[in-house]
Amino acid sequence: MRSGFRSVHLGKWIAFTVLTCALTITSLPSQVKAFTARNLIYGSEGYDVNELQGRLHLLGYYWGKNDGIFGWKTYWAVRTFQYNFGLPVTGDVDMATKQALVKATPNWNYHMDSNGGTNSGSNAGGASGLSPATVVAGDGFSHGSAGLSASDLNLMAHVVYGEARGEPFEGQVAIAAVILNRLHDPKFPKTIPAIVYAPGAFDCVNDGQINLQPNAEARRAVADAVAGWDPTHGALFYFNPAKTNNAWMWARPEIMTIGHHIFTD
């Protein structure tokens, strides 16, 4: 009798254990949907990166091609998402970031943005491609984004227009990105006005071109930089080699050239 009693209880225990495991396994997809278990980092490739890009695009953070390749645009889109959602800003997609993305995009599916096109359900700012958090009024930003005030964004647009009008659009975004890179670097002031008006920081302040009214392209460049696009890959300085004889500037490590400007570390 004792042996039979033990057998019955052992059978019930095994059944309970199997049922618990099954429930645990079936609950996992609801946490991360189609994401795989691996963390995604710069250089990752695969369908889970497609999903990442699609979800970020649906929220208006990613504007590039949905190609399944974790490049710089994806990296900066992830960082901006993490910043806005109170996550550690690393640029890497861990489980916490995946869960936050899934929760924020319940209507996403694989039929969206398969070719990187505009999604009809996206919150992006219409044809302008602006981040949904950055609404542009007729002659300026109507409110702030990513911890910056409307005044900060408008000042950045003045700098972009004064420093880079006539440059390719990527070069205008790059000027805005340099301002943001300085904001996040401990060697520079902690506010946009303090960065812009630091002595000798920008030629447009010295020659008065900062007072020119920026156009829509300059404002869009600022919006794209705030949304995470940094064409300079972290540059803190730039100069026009045709106009600069500053030996200190020429001696800095060059990152890349965009238009007429060399961007440096």
C-alpha atoms as a PDB file:
ATOM      1  CA  MET A   1       0.000   0.000   0.000  1.00  0.00           C
ATOM      2  CA  ARG A   2       2.795   2.417   0.917  1.00  0.00           C
ATOM      3  CA  SER A   3       4.503   1.802  -2.453  1.00  0.00           C
ATOM      4  CA  GLY A   4       1.254   2.459  -4.296  1.00  0.00           C
ATOM      5  CA  PHE A   5       0.683   5.646  -2.296  1.00  0.00           C
ATOM      6  CA  ARG A   6       4.145   6.911  -3.236  1.00  0.00           C
ATOM      7  CA  SER A   7       3.576   6.052  -6.895  1.00  0.00           C
ATOM      8  CA  VAL A   8       0.340   8.040  -7.020  1.00  0.00           C
ATOM      9  CA  HIS A   9       1.949  11.094  -5.433  1.00  0.00           C
ATOM     10  CA  LEU A  10       5.028  10.790  -7.659  1.00  0.00           C
ATOM     11  CA  GLY A  11       2.781  10.694 -10.705  1.00  0.00           C
ATOM     12  CA  LYS A  12       0.893  13.796  -9.576  1.00  0.00           C
ATOM     13  CA  TRP A  13       4.185  15.618  -8.912  1.00  0.00           C
ATOM     14  CA  ILE A  14       5.492  14.789 -12.400  1.00  0.00           C
ATOM     15  CA  ALA A  15       2.242  15.924 -14.022  1.00  0.00           C
ATOM     16  CA  PHE A  16       2.326  19.179 -12.052  1.00  0.00           C
ATOM     17  CA  THR A  17       5.951  19.816 -13.036  1.00  0.00           C
ATOM     18  CA  VAL A  18       5.278  19.191 -16.742  1.00  0.00           C
ATOM     19  CA  LEU A  19       2.227  21.475 -16.659  1.00  0.00           C
ATOM     20  CA  THR A  20       4.207  24.238 -14.935  1.00  0.00           C
ATOM     21  CA  CYS A  21       7.009  24.036 -17.518  1.00  0.00           C
ATOM     22  CA  ALA A  22       4.507  24.095 -20.349  1.00  0.00           C
ATOM     23  CA  LEU A  23       2.811  27.185 -18.953  1.00  0.00           C
ATOM     24  CA  THR A  24       6.174  28.888 -18.497  1.00  0.00           C
ATOM     25  CA  ILE A  25       7.240  28.142 -22.070  1.00  0.00           C
ATOM     26  CA  THR A  26       3.957  29.266 -23.598  1.00  0.00           C
ATOM     27  CA  SER A  27       4.091  32.506 -21.605  1.00  0.00           C
ATOM     28  CA  LEU A  28       7.468  33.567 -23.038  1.00  0.00           C
ATOM     29  CA  PRO A  29       6.271  34.622 -26.507  1.00  0.00           C
ATOM     30  CA  SER A  30       3.827  37.065 -24.909  1.00  0.00           C
ATOM     31  CA  GLN A  31       6.810  38.809 -23.341  1.00  0.00           C
ATOM     32  CA  VAL A  32       8.934  39.323 -26.422  1.00  0.00           C
ATOM     33  CA  LYS A  33       6.732  38.222 -29.345  1.00  0.00           C
ATOM     34  CA  ALA A  34       8.941  37.154 -32.267  1.00  0.00           C
ATOM     35  CA  PHE A  35      12.206  38.515 -30.861  1.00  0.00           C
ATOM     36  CA  THR A  36      14.854  35.854 -30.327  1.00  0.00           C
ATOM     37  CA  ALA A  37      16.520  35.418 -26.950  1.00  0.00           C
ATOM     38  CA  ARG A  38      19.828  36.953 -28.040  1.00  0.00           C
ATOM     39  CA  ASN A  39      20.747  40.548 -27.260  1.00  0.00           C
ATOM     40  CA  LEU A  40      21.032  42.747 -30.347  1.00  0.00           C
ATOM     41  CA  ILE A  41      24.041  45.007 -30.743  1.00  0.00           C
ATOM     42  CA  TYR A  42      25.679  47.074 -33.471  1.00  0.00           C
ATOM     43  CA  GLY A  43      26.558  44.659 -36.283  1.00  0.00           C
ATOM     44  CA  SER A  44      23.807  42.124 -35.513  1.00  0.00           C
ATOM     45  CA  GLU A  45      21.870  40.798 -38.503  1.00  0.00           C
ATOM     46  CA  GLY A  46      18.689  38.763 -38.875  1.00  0.00           C
ATOM     47  CA  TYR A  47      14.917  38.824 -38.843  1.00  0.00           C
ATOM     48  CA  ASP A  48      14.880  39.961 -35.219  1.00  0.00           C
ATOM     49  CA  VAL A  49      16.725  43.098 -36.334  1.00  0.00           C
ATOM     50  CA  ASN A  50      13.990  43.538 -38.985  1.00  0.00           C
ATOM     51  CA  GLU A  51      11.484  43.397 -36.162  1.00  0.00           C
ATOM     52  CA  LEU A  52      13.493  45.876 -34.127  1.00  0.00           C
ATOM     53  CA  GLN A  53      13.658  48.317 -37.051  1.00  0.00           C
ATOM     54  CA  GLY A  54       9.957  47.885 -37.782  1.00  0.00           C
ATOM     55  CA  ARG A  55       8.885  48.561 -34.212  1.00  0.00           C
ATOM     56  CA  LEU A  56      11.186  51.581 -33.932  1.00  0.00           C
ATOM     57  CA  HIS A  57       9.809  52.917 -37.213  1.00  0.00           C
ATOM     58  CA  LEU A  58       6.255  52.483 -36.010  1.00  0.00           C
ATOM     59  CA  LEU A  59       7.127  54.732 -33.069  1.00  0.00           C
ATOM     60  CA  GLY A  60       8.880  57.233 -35.340  1.00  0.00           C
ATOM     61  CA  TYR A  61      12.411  56.645 -34.043  1.00  0.00           C
ATOM     62  CA  TYR A  62      13.853  54.871 -37.096  1.00  0.00           C
ATOM     63  CA  TRP A  63      13.694  56.240 -40.645  1.00  0.00           C
ATOM     64  CA  GLY A  64      16.198  54.023 -42.469  1.00  0.00           C
ATOM     65  CA  LYS A  65      15.754  50.912 -44.598  1.00  0.00           C
ATOM     66  CA  ASN A  66      14.340  47.836 -42.914  1.00  0.00           C
ATOM     67  CA  ASP A  67      17.236  45.622 -43.996  1.00  0.00           C
ATOM     68  CA  GLY A  68      17.817  43.458 -40.921  1.00  0.00           C
ATOM     69  CA  ILE A  69      21.262  44.992 -40.339  1.00  0.00           C
ATOM     70  CA  PHE A  70      21.940  46.728 -37.023  1.00  0.00           C
ATOM     71  CA  GLY A  71      23.808  49.796 -38.271  1.00  0.00           C
ATOM     72  CA  TRP A  72      24.381  53.279 -36.904  1.00  0.00           C
ATOM     73  CA  LYS A  73      20.863  54.535 -37.661  1.00  0.00           C
ATOM     74  CA  THR A  74      19.397  51.596 -35.760  1.00  0.00           C
ATOM     75  CA  TYR A  75      21.872  52.103 -32.915  1.00  0.00           C
ATOM     76  CA  TRP A  76      20.936  55.754 -32.424  1.00  0.00           C
ATOM     77  CA  ALA A  77      17.235  54.993 -32.768  1.00  0.00           C
ATOM     78  CA  VAL A  78      17.588  52.419 -29.966  1.00  0.00           C
ATOM     79  CA  ARG A  79      19.426  54.919 -27.743  1.00  0.00           C
ATOM     80  CA  THR A  80      16.717  57.547 -28.258  1.00  0.00           C
ATOM     81  CA  PHE A  81      13.986  55.008 -27.491  1.00  0.00           C
ATOM     82  CA  GLN A  82      15.796  53.918 -24.335  1.00  0.00           C
ATOM     83  CA  TYR A  83      16.239  57.532 -23.222  1.00  0.00           C
ATOM     84  CA  ASN A  84      12.585  58.405 -23.743  1.00  0.00           C
ATOM     85  CA  PHE A  85      11.338  55.234 -22.014  1.00  0.00           C
ATOM     86  CA  GLY A  86      13.533  55.532 -18.937  1.00  0.00           C
ATOM     87  CA  LEU A  87      15.826  52.618 -19.795  1.00  0.00           C
ATOM     88  CA  PRO A  88      19.623  52.501 -19.484  1.00  0.00           C
ATOM     89  CA  VAL A  89      20.904  54.246 -22.619  1.00  0.00           C
ATOM     90  CA  THR A  90      23.331  51.705 -24.096  1.00  0.00           C
ATOM     91  CA  GLY A  91      22.311  51.265 -27.728  1.00  0.00           C
ATOM     92  CA  ASP A  92      22.168  47.512 -27.073  1.00  0.00           C
ATOM     93  CA  VAL A  93      18.828  45.706 -27.169  1.00  0.00           C
ATOM     94  CA  ASP A  94      18.489  43.525 -24.095  1.00  0.00           C
ATOM     95  CA  MET A  95      15.374  41.807 -22.747  1.00  0.00           C
ATOM     96  CA  ALA A  96      14.160  44.932 -20.930  1.00  0.00           C
ATOM     97  CA  THR A  97      14.390  46.975 -24.137  1.00  0.00           C
ATOM     98  CA  LYS A  98      12.578  44.273 -26.116  1.00  0.00           C
ATOM     99  CA  GLN A  99       9.770  44.105 -23.589  1.00  0.00           C
ATOM    100  CA  ALA A 100       9.390  47.892 -23.604  1.00  0.00           C
ATOM    101  CA  LEU A 101       9.283  47.898 -27.424  1.00  0.00           C
ATOM    102  CA  VAL A 102       6.671  45.147 -27.526  1.00  0.00           C
ATOM    103  CA  LYS A 103       4.528  46.951 -24.964  1.00  0.00           C
ATOM    104  CA  ALA A 104       4.824  50.234 -26.880  1.00  0.00           C
ATOM    105  CA  THR A 105       3.944  48.700 -30.278  1.00  0.00           C
ATOM    106  CA  PRO A 106       1.063  46.251 -29.740  1.00  0.00           C
ATOM    107  CA  ASN A 107      -0.191  46.777 -33.312  1.00  0.00           C
ATOM    108  CA  TRP A 108       3.090  45.977 -35.035  1.00  0.00           C
ATOM    109  CA  ASN A 109       3.305  42.980 -37.382  1.00  0.00           C
ATOM    110  CA  TYR A 110       5.728  41.645 -39.989  1.00  0.00           C
ATOM    111  CA  HIS A 111       3.644  42.992 -42.861  1.00  0.00           C
ATOM    112  CA  MET A 112       4.593  46.522 -41.868  1.00  0.00           C
ATOM    113  CA  ASP A 113       7.654  48.230 -43.353  1.00  0.00           C
ATOM    114  CA  SER A 114       8.983  45.120 -45.048  1.00  0.00           C
ATOM    115  CA  ASN A 115      10.699  47.375 -47.594  1.00  0.00           C
ATOM    116  CA  GLY A 116      11.424  50.231 -45.250  1.00  0.00           C
ATOM    117  CA  GLY A 117       8.520  52.330 -46.494  1.00  0.00           C
ATOM    118  CA  THR A 118       6.312  54.605 -44.450  1.00  0.00           C
ATOM    119  CA  ASN A 119       3.859  52.705 -42.299  1.00  0.00           C
ATOM    120  CA  SER A 120       0.240  53.791 -42.437  1.00  0.00           C
ATOM    121  CA  GLY A 121      -0.066  53.165 -38.713  1.00  0.00           C
ATOM    122  CA  SER A 122       3.076  55.082 -37.803  1.00  0.00           C
ATOM    123  CA  ASN A 123       3.041  58.067 -35.518  1.00  0.00           C
ATOM    124  CA  ALA A 124       5.744  59.779 -37.537  1.00  0.00           C
ATOM    125  CA  GLY A 125       5.168  63.391 -38.393  1.00  0.00           C
ATOM    126  CA  GLY A 126       3.663  62.987 -41.840  1.00  0.00           C
ATOM    127  CA  ALA A 127       5.721  63.542 -44.979  1.00  0.00           C
ATOM    128  CA  SER A 128       8.311  65.571 -43.113  1.00  0.00           C
ATOM    129  CA  GLY A 129       9.738  62.434 -41.466  1.00  0.00           C
ATOM    130  CA  LEU A 130      10.058  64.235 -38.122  1.00  0.00           C
ATOM    131  CA  SER A 131      10.005  62.395 -34.835  1.00  0.00           C
ATOM    132  CA  PRO A 132       6.478  62.283 -33.392  1.00  0.00           C
ATOM    133  CA  ALA A 133       7.812  63.961 -30.244  1.00  0.00           C
ATOM    134  CA  THR A 134       9.088  66.913 -32.273  1.00  0.00           C
ATOM    135  CA  VAL A 135       6.297  68.860 -33.926  1.00  0.00           C
ATOM    136  CA  VAL A 136       7.403  71.737 -36.147  1.00  0.00           C
ATOM    137  CA  ALA A 137       5.230  74.813 -36.443  1.00  0.00           C
ATOM    138  CA  GLY A 138       5.292  77.223 -39.376  1.00  0.00           C
ATOM    139  CA  ASP A 139       8.456  79.030 -38.313  1.00  0.00           C
ATOM    140  CA  GLY A 140       9.830  76.959 -35.453  1.00  0.00           C
ATOM    141  CA  PHE A 141       9.435  74.053 -33.054  1.00  0.00           C
ATOM    142  CA  SER A 142       6.190  74.117 -31.125  1.00  0.00           C
ATOM    143  CA  HIS A 143       7.457  72.060 -28.190  1.00  0.00           C
ATOM    144  CA  GLY A 144      10.484  70.196 -26.961  1.00  0.00           C
ATOM    145  CA  SER A 145      11.726  66.639 -27.315  1.00  0.00           C
ATOM    146  CA  ALA A 146      14.129  64.224 -25.602  1.00  0.00           C
ATOM    147  CA  GLY A 147      14.671  66.521 -22.643  1.00  0.00           C
ATOM    148  CA  LEU A 148      15.239  69.631 -24.768  1.00  0.00           C
ATOM    149  CA  SER A 149      12.922  72.632 -24.802  1.00  0.00           C
ATOM    150  CA  ALA A 150      11.417  74.213 -27.906  1.00  0.00           C
ATOM    151  CA  SER A 151      13.803  77.120 -27.325  1.00  0.00           C
ATOM    152  CA  ASP A 152      16.773  74.696 -27.348  1.00  0.00           C
ATOM    153  CA  LEU A 153      15.633  73.144 -30.615  1.00  0.00           C
ATOM    154  CA  ASN A 154      15.041  76.500 -32.265  1.00  0.00           C
ATOM    155  CA  LEU A 155      18.484  77.709 -31.202  1.00  0.00           C
ATOM    156  CA  MET A 156      20.028  74.571 -32.692  1.00  0.00           C
ATOM    157  CA  ALA A 157      18.175  75.227 -35.951  1.00  0.00           C
ATOM    158  CA  HIS A 158      19.680  78.744 -36.039  1.00  0.00           C
ATOM    159  CA  VAL A 159      23.159  77.251 -35.633  1.00  0.00           C
ATOM    160  CA  VAL A 160      22.561  74.639 -38.334  1.00  0.00           C
ATOM    161  CA  TYR A 161      21.302  77.259 -40.769  1.00  0.00           C
ATOM    162  CA  GLY A 162      24.076  79.709 -39.925  1.00  0.00           C
ATOM    163  CA  GLU A 163      26.833  77.106 -40.137  1.00  0.00           C
ATOM    164  CA  ALA A 164      25.674  74.679 -42.808  1.00  0.00           C
ATOM    165  CA  ARG A 165      23.045  76.098 -45.180  1.00  0.00           C
ATOM    166  CA  GLY A 166      23.952  74.947 -48.666  1.00  0.00           C
ATOM    167  CA  GLU A 167      25.577  71.789 -47.292  1.00  0.00           C
ATOM    168  CA  PRO A 168      24.038  68.368 -48.028  1.00  0.00           C
ATOM    169  CA  PHE A 169      21.246  67.461 -45.636  1.00  0.00           C
ATOM    170  CA  GLU A 170      23.463  64.872 -43.937  1.00  0.00           C
ATOM    171  CA  GLY A 171      25.972  67.642 -43.269  1.00  0.00           C
ATOM    172  CA  GLN A 172      23.283  69.773 -41.634  1.00  0.00           C
ATOM    173  CA  VAL A 173      22.234  66.874 -39.406  1.00  0.00           C
ATOM    174  CA  ALA A 174      25.913  66.444 -38.545  1.00  0.00           C
ATOM    175  CA  ILE A 175      26.158  70.006 -37.173  1.00  0.00           C
ATOM    176  CA  ALA A 176      23.151  69.396 -34.921  1.00  0.00           C
ATOM    177  CA  ALA A 177      24.645  66.060 -33.855  1.00  0.00           C
ATOM    178  CA  VAL A 178      27.889  67.771 -32.805  1.00  0.00           C
ATOM    179  CA  ILE A 179      25.910  70.079 -30.526  1.00  0.00           C
ATOM    180  CA  LEU A 180      24.179  67.071 -28.944  1.00  0.00           C
ATOM    181  CA  ASN A 181      27.467  65.193 -28.623  1.00  0.00           C
ATOM    182  CA  ARG A 182      28.896  68.141 -26.704  1.00  0.00           C
ATOM    183  CA  LEU A 183      25.826  68.211 -24.476  1.00  0.00           C
ATOM    184  CA  HIS A 184      26.543  64.609 -23.443  1.00  0.00           C
ATOM    185  CA  ASP A 185      30.301  65.116 -23.017  1.00  0.00           C
ATOM    186  CA  PRO A 186      31.458  66.138 -19.513  1.00  0.00           C
ATOM    187  CA  LYS A 187      34.073  68.527 -20.954  1.00  0.00           C
ATOM    188  CA  PHE A 188      31.350  70.849 -22.317  1.00  0.00           C
ATOM    189  CA  PRO A 189      28.592  72.980 -20.754  1.00  0.00           C
ATOM    190  CA  LYS A 190      25.383  71.268 -19.716  1.00  0.00           C
ATOM    191  CA  THR A 191      22.833  73.319 -21.663  1.00  0.00           C
ATOM    192  CA  ILE A 192      22.298  74.064 -25.346  1.00  0.00           C
ATOM    193  CA  PRO A 193      22.597  77.871 -24.960  1.00  0.00           C
ATOM    194  CA  ALA A 194      25.806  77.522 -22.960  1.00  0.00           C
ATOM    195  CA  ILE A 195      27.273  75.268 -25.654  1.00  0.00           C
ATOM    196  CA  VAL A 196      26.220  77.520 -28.526  1.00  0.00           C
ATOM    197  CA  TYR A 197      27.391  80.774 -26.918  1.00  0.00           C
ATOM    198  CA  ALA A 198      30.642  79.458 -25.474  1.00  0.00           C
ATOM    199  CA  PRO A 199      33.451  81.780 -26.658  1.00  0.00           C
ATOM    200  CA  GLY A 200      34.654  80.797 -30.117  1.00  0.00           C
ATOM    201  CA  ALA A 201      32.440  77.715 -30.285  1.00  0.00           C
ATOM    202  CA  PHE A 202      30.627  78.552 -33.538  1.00  0.00           C
ATOM    203  CA  ASP A 203      31.548  80.973 -36.313  1.00  0.00           C
ATOM    204  CA  CYS A 204      27.910  81.871 -36.907  1.00  0.00           C
ATOM    205  CA  VAL A 205      27.773  83.384 -33.419  1.00  0.00           C
ATOM    206  CA  ASN A 206      30.876  85.457 -34.092  1.00  0.00           C
ATOM    207  CA  ASP A 207      29.726  86.800 -37.471  1.00  0.00           C
ATOM    208  CA  GLY A 208      26.043  87.189 -36.585  1.00  0.00           C
ATOM    209  CA  GLN A 209      24.666  84.590 -38.987  1.00  0.00           C
ATOM    210  CA  ILE A 210      23.055  82.832 -36.049  1.00  0.00           C
ATOM    211  CA  ASN A 211      20.406  85.568 -36.237  1.00  0.00           C
ATOM    212  CA  LEU A 212      19.254  84.445 -39.692  1.00  0.00           C
ATOM    213  CA  GLN A 213      15.866  82.755 -39.803  1.00  0.00           C
ATOM    214  CA  PRO A 214      16.372  78.987 -40.283  1.00  0.00           C
ATOM    215  CA  ASN A 215      14.436  77.211 -43.002  1.00  0.00           C
ATOM    216  CA  ALA A 216      12.412  74.001 -42.747  1.00  0.00           C
ATOM    217  CA  GLU A 217      15.390  71.888 -43.842  1.00  0.00           C
ATOM    218  CA  ALA A 218      17.495  73.149 -40.930  1.00  0.00           C
ATOM    219  CA  ARG A 219      14.686  72.391 -38.484  1.00  0.00           C
ATOM    220  CA  ARG A 220      14.260  68.924 -39.942  1.00  0.00           C
ATOM    221  CA  ALA A 221      18.006  68.332 -39.578  1.00  0.00           C
ATOM    222  CA  VAL A 222      17.721  69.197 -35.885  1.00  0.00           C
ATOM    223  CA  ALA A 223      14.725  66.888 -35.488  1.00  0.00           C
ATOM    224  CA  ASP A 224      16.584  64.000 -37.113  1.00  0.00           C
ATOM    225  CA  ALA A 225      19.616  64.555 -34.893  1.00  0.00           C
ATOM    226  CA  VAL A 226      17.438  64.654 -31.776  1.00  0.00           C
ATOM    227  CA  ALA A 227      15.743  61.444 -32.976  1.00  0.00           C
ATOM    228  CA  GLY A 228      19.163  59.781 -32.913  1.00  0.00           C
ATOM    229  CA  TRP A 229      20.868  60.189 -36.277  1.00  0.00           C
ATOM    230  CA  ASP A 230      24.530  61.073 -35.853  1.00  0.00           C
ATOM    231  CA  PRO A 231      26.302  60.954 -39.239  1.00  0.00           C
ATOM    232  CA  THR A 232      29.567  61.949 -37.510  1.00  0.00           C
ATOM    233  CA  HIS A 233      29.723  58.882 -35.235  1.00  0.00           C
ATOM    234  CA  GLY A 234      30.328  60.983 -32.143  1.00  0.00           C
ATOM    235  CA  ALA A 235      32.317  63.980 -33.400  1.00  0.00           C
ATOM    236  CA  LEU A 236      32.812  66.899 -31.029  1.00  0.00           C
ATOM    237  CA  PHE A 237      34.379  69.360 -33.480  1.00  0.00           C
ATOM    238  CA  TYR A 238      34.317  70.248 -37.165  1.00  0.00           C
ATOM    239  CA  PHE A 239      35.917  72.772 -39.467  1.00  0.00           C
ATOM    240  CA  ASN A 240      36.026  73.880 -43.081  1.00  0.00           C
ATOM    241  CA  PRO A 241      39.572  73.184 -44.317  1.00  0.00           C
ATOM    242  CA  ALA A 242      39.306  75.971 -46.897  1.00  0.00           C
ATOM    243  CA  LYS A 243      38.650  78.530 -44.163  1.00  0.00           C
ATOM    244  CA  THR A 244      40.605  77.303 -41.132  1.00  0.00           C
ATOM    245  CA  ASN A 245      44.301  77.708 -40.351  1.00  0.00           C
ATOM    246  CA  ASN A 246      43.929  76.710 -36.711  1.00  0.00           C
ATOM    247  CA  ALA A 247      46.753  74.253 -36.010  1.00  0.00           C
ATOM    248  CA  TRP A 248      44.981  72.800 -32.980  1.00  0.00           C
ATOM    249  CA  MET A 249      41.916  71.956 -35.069  1.00  0.00           C
ATOM    250  CA  TRP A 250      43.985  70.443 -37.876  1.00  0.00           C
ATOM    251  CA  ALA A 251      45.802  68.248 -35.362  1.00  0.00           C
ATOM    252  CA  ARG A 252      42.641  66.597 -34.047  1.00  0.00           C
ATOM    253  CA  PRO A 253      41.848  62.995 -35.139  1.00  0.00           C
ATOM    254  CA  GLU A 254      39.676  63.109 -38.243  1.00  0.00           C
ATOM    255  CA  ILE A 255      36.532  60.981 -38.239  1.00  0.00           C
ATOM    256  CA  MET A 256      35.046  61.828 -41.632  1.00  0.00           C
ATOM    257  CA  THR A 257      34.309  64.533 -44.176  1.00  0.00           C
ATOM    258  CA  ILE A 258      30.733  65.507 -45.015  1.00  0.00           C
ATOM    259  CA  GLY A 259      30.290  68.219 -47.612  1.00  0.00           C
ATOM    260  CA  HIS A 260      32.774  71.016 -46.900  1.00  0.00           C
ATOM    261  CA  HIS A 261      33.343  70.102 -43.252  1.00  0.00           C
ATOM    262  CA  ILE A 262      35.836  67.751 -41.611  1.00  0.00           C
ATOM    263  CA  PHE A 263      34.483  66.243 -38.389  1.00  0.00           C
ATOM    264  CA  THR A 264      36.934  65.377 -35.650  1.00  0.00           C
ATOM    265  CA  ASP A 265      37.170  63.734 -32.263  1.00  0.00           C
END
